[in-house]
């Protein structure tokens, strides 16, 4: 699939989504539409591309948008395409966010209510629901565990949109439909301004260049590893063949230009 240019990006692309939603006037109305029962008045600063990896090495996470208040933590991410590991990813996101909260010196009871929200242009579960909300519930009693964790998948293709009138326009906008909704018009203007920002354009190009470089390095490393494995397998086969022809270890080493210890180790591993 051909990569989009910077000018072709939309709210559906996580780079633009993160840039637009780093402004509270854009993020707060979206959260209010997804979670109308929560008062978002006291939300603190938004952290775009928040990294929670300082204490976890390469297994940290980076979310598109993170915001919080004294009682809640919210991770919001644009998720394009189906991911087979999406459920396990949410589990890991929750654990890392909790650890990040605890590292501030809190006890377990002080952990804040946690919300992991994925905006999905396509249905992640094929059940045609516009909203999938997951909490830990006891199978036998139906009662919630009370760990105050919630995972929400907003499916912008959901069929039961009439149940969420405040979200209908946003869901359709994510998938390219225009709207007269004032909030959507606001987002359209913010996307337009984001795409005119020369600093963000340069950041996007730099990010894409680094991604291409990492992919190329990965391919080259994979090819190198494949060649090395092929060479090693060839040596094993030749060593075994020569050994079966009653060649001594020294003779095999000389014929294949290998060290005597390498030959002995390979023969030992083949027994």
C-alpha atoms as a PDB file:
ATOM      1  CA  UNK A   1       0.000   0.000   0.000  1.00  0.00           C
ATOM      2  CA  UNK A   2       1.306   3.426  -0.981  1.00  0.00           C
ATOM      3  CA  UNK A   3       2.240   5.597   1.968  1.00  0.00           C
ATOM      4  CA  UNK A   4       0.365   8.851   2.441  1.00  0.00           C
ATOM      5  CA  UNK A   5       2.129  12.152   2.041  1.00  0.00           C
ATOM      6  CA  UNK A   6       1.874  14.645   4.877  1.00  0.00           C
ATOM      7  CA  UNK A   7      -0.777  16.592   2.936  1.00  0.00           C
ATOM      8  CA  UNK A   8      -2.900  13.457   2.592  1.00  0.00           C
ATOM      9  CA  UNK A   9      -3.079  12.755   6.328  1.00  0.00           C
ATOM     10  CA  UNK A  10      -6.451  12.894   8.101  1.00  0.00           C
ATOM     11  CA  UNK A  11      -7.694  12.614  11.683  1.00  0.00           C
ATOM     12  CA  UNK A  12      -7.523   8.835  11.136  1.00  0.00           C
ATOM     13  CA  UNK A  13      -3.721   8.962  11.062  1.00  0.00           C
ATOM     14  CA  UNK A  14      -2.249   8.749  14.535  1.00  0.00           C
ATOM     15  CA  UNK A  15       0.286  11.541  13.892  1.00  0.00           C
ATOM     16  CA  UNK A  16      -2.425  14.089  13.092  1.00  0.00           C
ATOM     17  CA  UNK A  17      -4.753  12.668  15.732  1.00  0.00           C
ATOM     18  CA  UNK A  18      -2.086  13.154  18.382  1.00  0.00           C
ATOM     19  CA  UNK A  19      -1.281  16.697  17.261  1.00  0.00           C
ATOM     20  CA  UNK A  20      -4.909  17.813  17.141  1.00  0.00           C
ATOM     21  CA  UNK A  21      -5.869  16.141  20.418  1.00  0.00           C
ATOM     22  CA  UNK A  22      -2.981  17.662  22.343  1.00  0.00           C
ATOM     23  CA  UNK A  23      -5.179  20.760  22.611  1.00  0.00           C
ATOM     24  CA  UNK A  24      -7.654  20.498  25.483  1.00  0.00           C
ATOM     25  CA  UNK A  25     -10.392  22.245  23.492  1.00  0.00           C
ATOM     26  CA  UNK A  26     -10.296  19.319  21.065  1.00  0.00           C
ATOM     27  CA  UNK A  27      -9.782  16.406  23.453  1.00  0.00           C
ATOM     28  CA  UNK A  28     -12.214  17.338  26.223  1.00  0.00           C
ATOM     29  CA  UNK A  29     -15.335  17.382  23.979  1.00  0.00           C
ATOM     30  CA  UNK A  30     -14.394  13.952  22.614  1.00  0.00           C
ATOM     31  CA  UNK A  31     -13.986  12.476  26.088  1.00  0.00           C
ATOM     32  CA  UNK A  32     -17.277  14.060  27.134  1.00  0.00           C
ATOM     33  CA  UNK A  33     -19.017  12.320  24.237  1.00  0.00           C
ATOM     34  CA  UNK A  34     -17.439   8.963  25.007  1.00  0.00           C
ATOM     35  CA  UNK A  35     -17.875   9.156  28.797  1.00  0.00           C
ATOM     36  CA  UNK A  36     -20.716  11.625  29.464  1.00  0.00           C
ATOM     37  CA  UNK A  37     -21.022  10.475  33.093  1.00  0.00           C
ATOM     38  CA  UNK A  38     -17.583  11.913  34.001  1.00  0.00           C
ATOM     39  CA  UNK A  39     -16.844  15.549  34.819  1.00  0.00           C
ATOM     40  CA  UNK A  40     -13.754  16.542  32.821  1.00  0.00           C
ATOM     41  CA  UNK A  41     -13.525  20.088  34.166  1.00  0.00           C
ATOM     42  CA  UNK A  42     -10.328  19.450  36.137  1.00  0.00           C
ATOM     43  CA  UNK A  43      -8.324  17.657  33.474  1.00  0.00           C
ATOM     44  CA  UNK A  44      -4.640  18.505  33.689  1.00  0.00           C
ATOM     45  CA  UNK A  45      -2.291  19.064  30.777  1.00  0.00           C
ATOM     46  CA  UNK A  46      -2.369  16.703  27.820  1.00  0.00           C
ATOM     47  CA  UNK A  47       0.789  14.733  27.087  1.00  0.00           C
ATOM     48  CA  UNK A  48       0.940  13.729  23.395  1.00  0.00           C
ATOM     49  CA  UNK A  49       2.964  10.613  22.566  1.00  0.00           C
ATOM     50  CA  UNK A  50       3.455   9.952  26.280  1.00  0.00           C
ATOM     51  CA  UNK A  51       6.182   7.406  26.835  1.00  0.00           C
ATOM     52  CA  UNK A  52       6.013   5.042  29.789  1.00  0.00           C
ATOM     53  CA  UNK A  53       9.189   3.109  29.254  1.00  0.00           C
ATOM     54  CA  UNK A  54      11.879   4.577  31.461  1.00  0.00           C
ATOM     55  CA  UNK A  55      11.527   1.708  33.901  1.00  0.00           C
ATOM     56  CA  UNK A  56      10.597  -1.074  31.506  1.00  0.00           C
ATOM     57  CA  UNK A  57      13.241  -0.981  28.769  1.00  0.00           C
ATOM     58  CA  UNK A  58      12.032  -1.856  25.310  1.00  0.00           C
ATOM     59  CA  UNK A  59       8.711  -3.163  26.647  1.00  0.00           C
ATOM     60  CA  UNK A  60       7.390   0.275  27.527  1.00  0.00           C
ATOM     61  CA  UNK A  61       4.437   1.875  25.773  1.00  0.00           C
ATOM     62  CA  UNK A  62       3.847   5.087  23.888  1.00  0.00           C
ATOM     63  CA  UNK A  63       0.259   6.331  23.687  1.00  0.00           C
ATOM     64  CA  UNK A  64      -1.091   8.909  21.225  1.00  0.00           C
ATOM     65  CA  UNK A  65      -2.621  11.092  23.930  1.00  0.00           C
ATOM     66  CA  UNK A  66      -2.527  10.895  27.729  1.00  0.00           C
ATOM     67  CA  UNK A  67      -4.383  13.126  30.170  1.00  0.00           C
ATOM     68  CA  UNK A  68      -5.376  12.951  33.809  1.00  0.00           C
ATOM     69  CA  UNK A  69      -6.935  14.589  36.817  1.00  0.00           C
ATOM     70  CA  UNK A  70      -6.671  13.765  40.512  1.00  0.00           C
ATOM     71  CA  UNK A  71      -9.015  10.770  40.194  1.00  0.00           C
ATOM     72  CA  UNK A  72      -8.610   9.503  36.621  1.00  0.00           C
ATOM     73  CA  UNK A  73      -6.043   8.548  33.974  1.00  0.00           C
ATOM     74  CA  UNK A  74      -7.002   8.493  30.289  1.00  0.00           C
ATOM     75  CA  UNK A  75      -5.040   6.946  27.443  1.00  0.00           C
ATOM     76  CA  UNK A  76      -6.539   7.666  24.000  1.00  0.00           C
ATOM     77  CA  UNK A  77      -5.202   6.075  20.837  1.00  0.00           C
ATOM     78  CA  UNK A  78      -6.169   5.919  17.180  1.00  0.00           C
ATOM     79  CA  UNK A  79      -6.072   2.269  16.116  1.00  0.00           C
ATOM     80  CA  UNK A  80      -6.162   1.764  12.367  1.00  0.00           C
ATOM     81  CA  UNK A  81      -6.631  -1.790  11.132  1.00  0.00           C
ATOM     82  CA  UNK A  82      -7.353  -4.935  13.067  1.00  0.00           C
ATOM     83  CA  UNK A  83      -4.771  -6.189  15.497  1.00  0.00           C
ATOM     84  CA  UNK A  84      -4.863  -9.808  16.561  1.00  0.00           C
ATOM     85  CA  UNK A  85      -3.085  -8.908  19.783  1.00  0.00           C
ATOM     86  CA  UNK A  86      -5.350  -5.974  20.666  1.00  0.00           C
ATOM     87  CA  UNK A  87      -6.823  -7.601  23.790  1.00  0.00           C
ATOM     88  CA  UNK A  88      -3.394  -8.498  25.165  1.00  0.00           C
ATOM     89  CA  UNK A  89      -2.146  -5.009  24.332  1.00  0.00           C
ATOM     90  CA  UNK A  90      -4.863  -3.455  26.487  1.00  0.00           C
ATOM     91  CA  UNK A  91      -3.878  -5.745  29.348  1.00  0.00           C
ATOM     92  CA  UNK A  92      -0.276  -4.587  29.059  1.00  0.00           C
ATOM     93  CA  UNK A  93      -1.244  -0.935  28.696  1.00  0.00           C
ATOM     94  CA  UNK A  94      -3.201  -1.154  31.925  1.00  0.00           C
ATOM     95  CA  UNK A  95      -0.348  -2.753  33.843  1.00  0.00           C
ATOM     96  CA  UNK A  96       2.219  -0.211  32.651  1.00  0.00           C
ATOM     97  CA  UNK A  97      -0.082   2.736  33.388  1.00  0.00           C
ATOM     98  CA  UNK A  98      -0.672   1.394  36.911  1.00  0.00           C
ATOM     99  CA  UNK A  99       3.039   0.912  37.484  1.00  0.00           C
ATOM    100  CA  UNK A 100       3.688   4.441  36.273  1.00  0.00           C
ATOM    101  CA  UNK A 101       1.105   5.671  38.781  1.00  0.00           C
ATOM    102  CA  UNK A 102       2.580   3.631  41.639  1.00  0.00           C
ATOM    103  CA  UNK A 103       6.094   4.858  40.936  1.00  0.00           C
ATOM    104  CA  UNK A 104       4.985   8.212  42.260  1.00  0.00           C
ATOM    105  CA  UNK A 105       5.045   6.667  45.742  1.00  0.00           C
ATOM    106  CA  UNK A 106       1.418   5.656  46.049  1.00  0.00           C
ATOM    107  CA  UNK A 107      -0.116   2.637  47.743  1.00  0.00           C
ATOM    108  CA  UNK A 108      -2.467   0.305  45.851  1.00  0.00           C
ATOM    109  CA  UNK A 109      -5.593   1.949  47.216  1.00  0.00           C
ATOM    110  CA  UNK A 110      -4.421   5.278  45.805  1.00  0.00           C
ATOM    111  CA  UNK A 111      -4.391   4.052  42.206  1.00  0.00           C
ATOM    112  CA  UNK A 112      -6.627   6.274  40.119  1.00  0.00           C
ATOM    113  CA  UNK A 113      -9.501   5.168  37.902  1.00  0.00           C
ATOM    114  CA  UNK A 114      -8.040   4.126  34.600  1.00  0.00           C
ATOM    115  CA  UNK A 115      -9.475   4.367  31.091  1.00  0.00           C
ATOM    116  CA  UNK A 116      -7.804   2.962  27.983  1.00  0.00           C
ATOM    117  CA  UNK A 117      -9.643   4.183  24.868  1.00  0.00           C
ATOM    118  CA  UNK A 118      -9.049   2.984  21.319  1.00  0.00           C
ATOM    119  CA  UNK A 119     -10.597   4.854  18.381  1.00  0.00           C
ATOM    120  CA  UNK A 120     -11.069   2.219  15.666  1.00  0.00           C
ATOM    121  CA  UNK A 121     -12.076   3.198  12.097  1.00  0.00           C
ATOM    122  CA  UNK A 122     -12.860  -0.494  11.501  1.00  0.00           C
ATOM    123  CA  UNK A 123     -14.783  -2.907  13.724  1.00  0.00           C
ATOM    124  CA  UNK A 124     -12.177  -4.670  15.911  1.00  0.00           C
ATOM    125  CA  UNK A 125     -14.499  -7.500  16.952  1.00  0.00           C
ATOM    126  CA  UNK A 126     -17.011  -7.907  14.089  1.00  0.00           C
ATOM    127  CA  UNK A 127     -20.077  -7.568  16.339  1.00  0.00           C
ATOM    128  CA  UNK A 128     -21.274  -4.294  14.770  1.00  0.00           C
ATOM    129  CA  UNK A 129     -21.340  -2.432  18.099  1.00  0.00           C
ATOM    130  CA  UNK A 130     -20.346   1.206  18.057  1.00  0.00           C
ATOM    131  CA  UNK A 131     -19.001   0.976  21.588  1.00  0.00           C
ATOM    132  CA  UNK A 132     -17.332  -1.982  23.265  1.00  0.00           C
ATOM    133  CA  UNK A 133     -16.810  -1.369  26.990  1.00  0.00           C
ATOM    134  CA  UNK A 134     -14.883  -3.877  29.074  1.00  0.00           C
ATOM    135  CA  UNK A 135     -14.636  -4.091  32.859  1.00  0.00           C
ATOM    136  CA  UNK A 136     -13.687  -6.967  35.150  1.00  0.00           C
ATOM    137  CA  UNK A 137     -16.890  -8.747  36.115  1.00  0.00           C
ATOM    138  CA  UNK A 138     -17.471 -11.885  38.213  1.00  0.00           C
ATOM    139  CA  UNK A 139     -18.898 -14.686  36.059  1.00  0.00           C
ATOM    140  CA  UNK A 140     -20.959 -16.134  38.910  1.00  0.00           C
ATOM    141  CA  UNK A 141     -22.524 -12.984  40.377  1.00  0.00           C
ATOM    142  CA  UNK A 142     -22.285 -10.468  37.552  1.00  0.00           C
ATOM    143  CA  UNK A 143     -20.785  -7.954  39.997  1.00  0.00           C
ATOM    144  CA  UNK A 144     -17.841  -5.786  39.000  1.00  0.00           C
ATOM    145  CA  UNK A 145     -14.498  -6.478  40.656  1.00  0.00           C
ATOM    146  CA  UNK A 146     -14.111  -2.820  41.551  1.00  0.00           C
ATOM    147  CA  UNK A 147     -10.548  -2.392  40.301  1.00  0.00           C
ATOM    148  CA  UNK A 148     -11.770   0.743  38.479  1.00  0.00           C
ATOM    149  CA  UNK A 149     -10.210  -0.139  35.142  1.00  0.00           C
ATOM    150  CA  UNK A 150     -12.124   0.339  31.894  1.00  0.00           C
ATOM    151  CA  UNK A 151     -11.205  -0.425  28.295  1.00  0.00           C
ATOM    152  CA  UNK A 152     -13.281   1.185  25.545  1.00  0.00           C
ATOM    153  CA  UNK A 153     -13.183   0.512  21.823  1.00  0.00           C
ATOM    154  CA  UNK A 154     -15.036   3.110  19.770  1.00  0.00           C
ATOM    155  CA  UNK A 155     -15.938   1.363  16.521  1.00  0.00           C
ATOM    156  CA  UNK A 156     -16.540   4.062  13.928  1.00  0.00           C
ATOM    157  CA  UNK A 157     -18.328   1.529  11.705  1.00  0.00           C
ATOM    158  CA  UNK A 158     -20.798   0.521  14.426  1.00  0.00           C
ATOM    159  CA  UNK A 159     -24.370  -0.090  13.307  1.00  0.00           C
ATOM    160  CA  UNK A 160     -26.152   1.003  16.505  1.00  0.00           C
ATOM    161  CA  UNK A 161     -25.169   4.673  16.167  1.00  0.00           C
ATOM    162  CA  UNK A 162     -28.589   5.896  17.231  1.00  0.00           C
ATOM    163  CA  UNK A 163     -27.662   4.810  20.760  1.00  0.00           C
ATOM    164  CA  UNK A 164     -24.786   7.310  20.758  1.00  0.00           C
ATOM    165  CA  UNK A 165     -26.063  10.459  19.028  1.00  0.00           C
ATOM    166  CA  UNK A 166     -23.232  12.598  20.394  1.00  0.00           C
ATOM    167  CA  UNK A 167     -20.621  10.244  18.918  1.00  0.00           C
ATOM    168  CA  UNK A 168     -22.263   9.558  15.564  1.00  0.00           C
ATOM    169  CA  UNK A 169     -20.820  12.633  13.825  1.00  0.00           C
ATOM    170  CA  UNK A 170     -17.308  11.998  15.162  1.00  0.00           C
ATOM    171  CA  UNK A 171     -17.383   8.332  14.125  1.00  0.00           C
ATOM    172  CA  UNK A 172     -18.458   9.272  10.602  1.00  0.00           C
ATOM    173  CA  UNK A 173     -15.835  12.029  10.445  1.00  0.00           C
ATOM    174  CA  UNK A 174     -13.056   9.574  11.299  1.00  0.00           C
ATOM    175  CA  UNK A 175     -14.070   7.606   8.221  1.00  0.00           C
ATOM    176  CA  UNK A 176     -14.149  10.638   5.961  1.00  0.00           C
ATOM    177  CA  UNK A 177     -17.739  11.902   6.090  1.00  0.00           C
ATOM    178  CA  UNK A 178     -18.329  15.653   6.355  1.00  0.00           C
ATOM    179  CA  UNK A 179     -20.621  17.038   9.038  1.00  0.00           C
ATOM    180  CA  UNK A 180     -22.326  20.250  10.119  1.00  0.00           C
ATOM    181  CA  UNK A 181     -21.672  19.362  13.762  1.00  0.00           C
ATOM    182  CA  UNK A 182     -19.844  22.333  15.327  1.00  0.00           C
ATOM    183  CA  UNK A 183     -17.275  20.120  17.060  1.00  0.00           C
ATOM    184  CA  UNK A 184     -16.481  18.290  13.823  1.00  0.00           C
ATOM    185  CA  UNK A 185     -16.102  21.585  11.961  1.00  0.00           C
ATOM    186  CA  UNK A 186     -13.688  22.623  14.696  1.00  0.00           C
ATOM    187  CA  UNK A 187     -11.673  19.426  14.255  1.00  0.00           C
ATOM    188  CA  UNK A 188     -11.562  19.915  10.486  1.00  0.00           C
ATOM    189  CA  UNK A 189     -10.093  23.365  10.996  1.00  0.00           C
ATOM    190  CA  UNK A 190      -7.552  22.029  13.492  1.00  0.00           C
ATOM    191  CA  UNK A 191      -6.469  19.311  11.057  1.00  0.00           C
ATOM    192  CA  UNK A 192      -6.065  21.931   8.332  1.00  0.00           C
ATOM    193  CA  UNK A 193      -3.899  24.089  10.597  1.00  0.00           C
ATOM    194  CA  UNK A 194      -1.859  21.085  11.721  1.00  0.00           C
ATOM    195  CA  UNK A 195      -1.022  20.248   8.127  1.00  0.00           C
ATOM    196  CA  UNK A 196       0.167  23.838   7.550  1.00  0.00           C
ATOM    197  CA  UNK A 197       2.597  23.745  10.486  1.00  0.00           C
ATOM    198  CA  UNK A 198       6.158  23.529   9.059  1.00  0.00           C
ATOM    199  CA  UNK A 199       7.580  22.186  12.328  1.00  0.00           C
ATOM    200  CA  UNK A 200       5.084  19.315  12.430  1.00  0.00           C
ATOM    201  CA  UNK A 201       5.691  18.597   8.752  1.00  0.00           C
ATOM    202  CA  UNK A 202       9.431  18.313   9.418  1.00  0.00           C
ATOM    203  CA  UNK A 203       8.760  16.149  12.485  1.00  0.00           C
ATOM    204  CA  UNK A 204       6.574  13.814  10.433  1.00  0.00           C
ATOM    205  CA  UNK A 205       9.180  13.501   7.683  1.00  0.00           C
ATOM    206  CA  UNK A 206      11.910  12.834  10.230  1.00  0.00           C
ATOM    207  CA  UNK A 207       9.753  10.210  11.943  1.00  0.00           C
ATOM    208  CA  UNK A 208       9.008   8.487   8.633  1.00  0.00           C
ATOM    209  CA  UNK A 209      12.683   8.531   7.631  1.00  0.00           C
ATOM    210  CA  UNK A 210      13.644   6.897  10.925  1.00  0.00           C
ATOM    211  CA  UNK A 211      10.920   4.285  10.450  1.00  0.00           C
ATOM    212  CA  UNK A 212      12.155   3.487   6.941  1.00  0.00           C
ATOM    213  CA  UNK A 213      15.719   3.222   8.246  1.00  0.00           C
ATOM    214  CA  UNK A 214      14.665   0.855  11.047  1.00  0.00           C
ATOM    215  CA  UNK A 215      12.693  -1.284   8.610  1.00  0.00           C
ATOM    216  CA  UNK A 216      15.622  -1.431   6.207  1.00  0.00           C
ATOM    217  CA  UNK A 217      17.979  -2.350   9.033  1.00  0.00           C
ATOM    218  CA  UNK A 218      15.539  -5.039  10.129  1.00  0.00           C
ATOM    219  CA  UNK A 219      15.334  -6.493   6.616  1.00  0.00           C
ATOM    220  CA  UNK A 220      19.112  -6.432   6.217  1.00  0.00           C
ATOM    221  CA  UNK A 221      19.595  -8.026   9.613  1.00  0.00           C
ATOM    222  CA  UNK A 222      17.055 -10.684   8.726  1.00  0.00           C
ATOM    223  CA  UNK A 223      18.782 -11.399   5.419  1.00  0.00           C
ATOM    224  CA  UNK A 224      22.160 -11.554   7.140  1.00  0.00           C
ATOM    225  CA  UNK A 225      20.811 -13.917   9.768  1.00  0.00           C
ATOM    226  CA  UNK A 226      19.241 -16.040   7.037  1.00  0.00           C
ATOM    227  CA  UNK A 227      22.539 -16.255   5.158  1.00  0.00           C
ATOM    228  CA  UNK A 228      24.390 -17.162   8.340  1.00  0.00           C
ATOM    229  CA  UNK A 229      21.862 -19.833   9.205  1.00  0.00           C
ATOM    230  CA  UNK A 230      22.042 -21.206   5.657  1.00  0.00           C
ATOM    231  CA  UNK A 231      25.836 -21.291   5.807  1.00  0.00           C
ATOM    232  CA  UNK A 232      25.776 -23.038   9.192  1.00  0.00           C
ATOM    233  CA  UNK A 233      23.255 -25.603   7.949  1.00  0.00           C
ATOM    234  CA  UNK A 234      25.382 -26.257   4.858  1.00  0.00           C
ATOM    235  CA  UNK A 235      28.433 -26.833   7.076  1.00  0.00           C
ATOM    236  CA  UNK A 236      26.507 -29.235   9.294  1.00  0.00           C
ATOM    237  CA  UNK A 237      25.384 -31.241   6.273  1.00  0.00           C
ATOM    238  CA  UNK A 238      28.895 -31.346   4.768  1.00  0.00           C
ATOM    239  CA  UNK A 239      30.507 -32.274   8.076  1.00  0.00           C
ATOM    240  CA  UNK A 240      28.023 -35.094   8.608  1.00  0.00           C
ATOM    241  CA  UNK A 241      28.512 -36.355   5.044  1.00  0.00           C
ATOM    242  CA  UNK A 242      32.303 -36.354   5.353  1.00  0.00           C
ATOM    243  CA  UNK A 243      32.143 -37.964   8.782  1.00  0.00           C
ATOM    244  CA  UNK A 244      29.990 -40.773   7.357  1.00  0.00           C
ATOM    245  CA  UNK A 245      32.710 -41.274   4.733  1.00  0.00           C
ATOM    246  CA  UNK A 246      35.132 -41.938   7.598  1.00  0.00           C
ATOM    247  CA  UNK A 247      37.005 -38.656   7.274  1.00  0.00           C
ATOM    248  CA  UNK A 248      38.799 -37.652  10.483  1.00  0.00           C
ATOM    249  CA  UNK A 249      37.911 -34.454  12.290  1.00  0.00           C
ATOM    250  CA  UNK A 250      41.201 -32.952  11.183  1.00  0.00           C
ATOM    251  CA  UNK A 251      40.570 -33.826   7.554  1.00  0.00           C
ATOM    252  CA  UNK A 252      37.066 -32.375   7.663  1.00  0.00           C
ATOM    253  CA  UNK A 253      38.376 -29.156   9.212  1.00  0.00           C
ATOM    254  CA  UNK A 254      41.020 -28.807   6.521  1.00  0.00           C
ATOM    255  CA  UNK A 255      38.632 -29.589   3.643  1.00  0.00           C
ATOM    256  CA  UNK A 256      36.034 -27.065   4.817  1.00  0.00           C
ATOM    257  CA  UNK A 257      38.495 -24.488   6.166  1.00  0.00           C
ATOM    258  CA  UNK A 258      36.983 -24.696   9.645  1.00  0.00           C
ATOM    259  CA  UNK A 259      38.457 -24.846  13.124  1.00  0.00           C
ATOM    260  CA  UNK A 260      38.895 -28.321  14.587  1.00  0.00           C
ATOM    261  CA  UNK A 261      36.862 -27.378  17.681  1.00  0.00           C
ATOM    262  CA  UNK A 262      33.987 -26.132  15.524  1.00  0.00           C
ATOM    263  CA  UNK A 263      33.929 -29.436  13.659  1.00  0.00           C
ATOM    264  CA  UNK A 264      33.962 -31.425  16.910  1.00  0.00           C
ATOM    265  CA  UNK A 265      31.160 -29.331  18.419  1.00  0.00           C
ATOM    266  CA  UNK A 266      28.968 -29.710  15.329  1.00  0.00           C
ATOM    267  CA  UNK A 267      29.505 -33.474  15.267  1.00  0.00           C
ATOM    268  CA  UNK A 268      28.692 -33.646  18.953  1.00  0.00           C
ATOM    269  CA  UNK A 269      25.451 -31.710  18.419  1.00  0.00           C
ATOM    270  CA  UNK A 270      24.442 -34.063  15.606  1.00  0.00           C
ATOM    271  CA  UNK A 271      24.702 -37.188  17.747  1.00  0.00           C
END
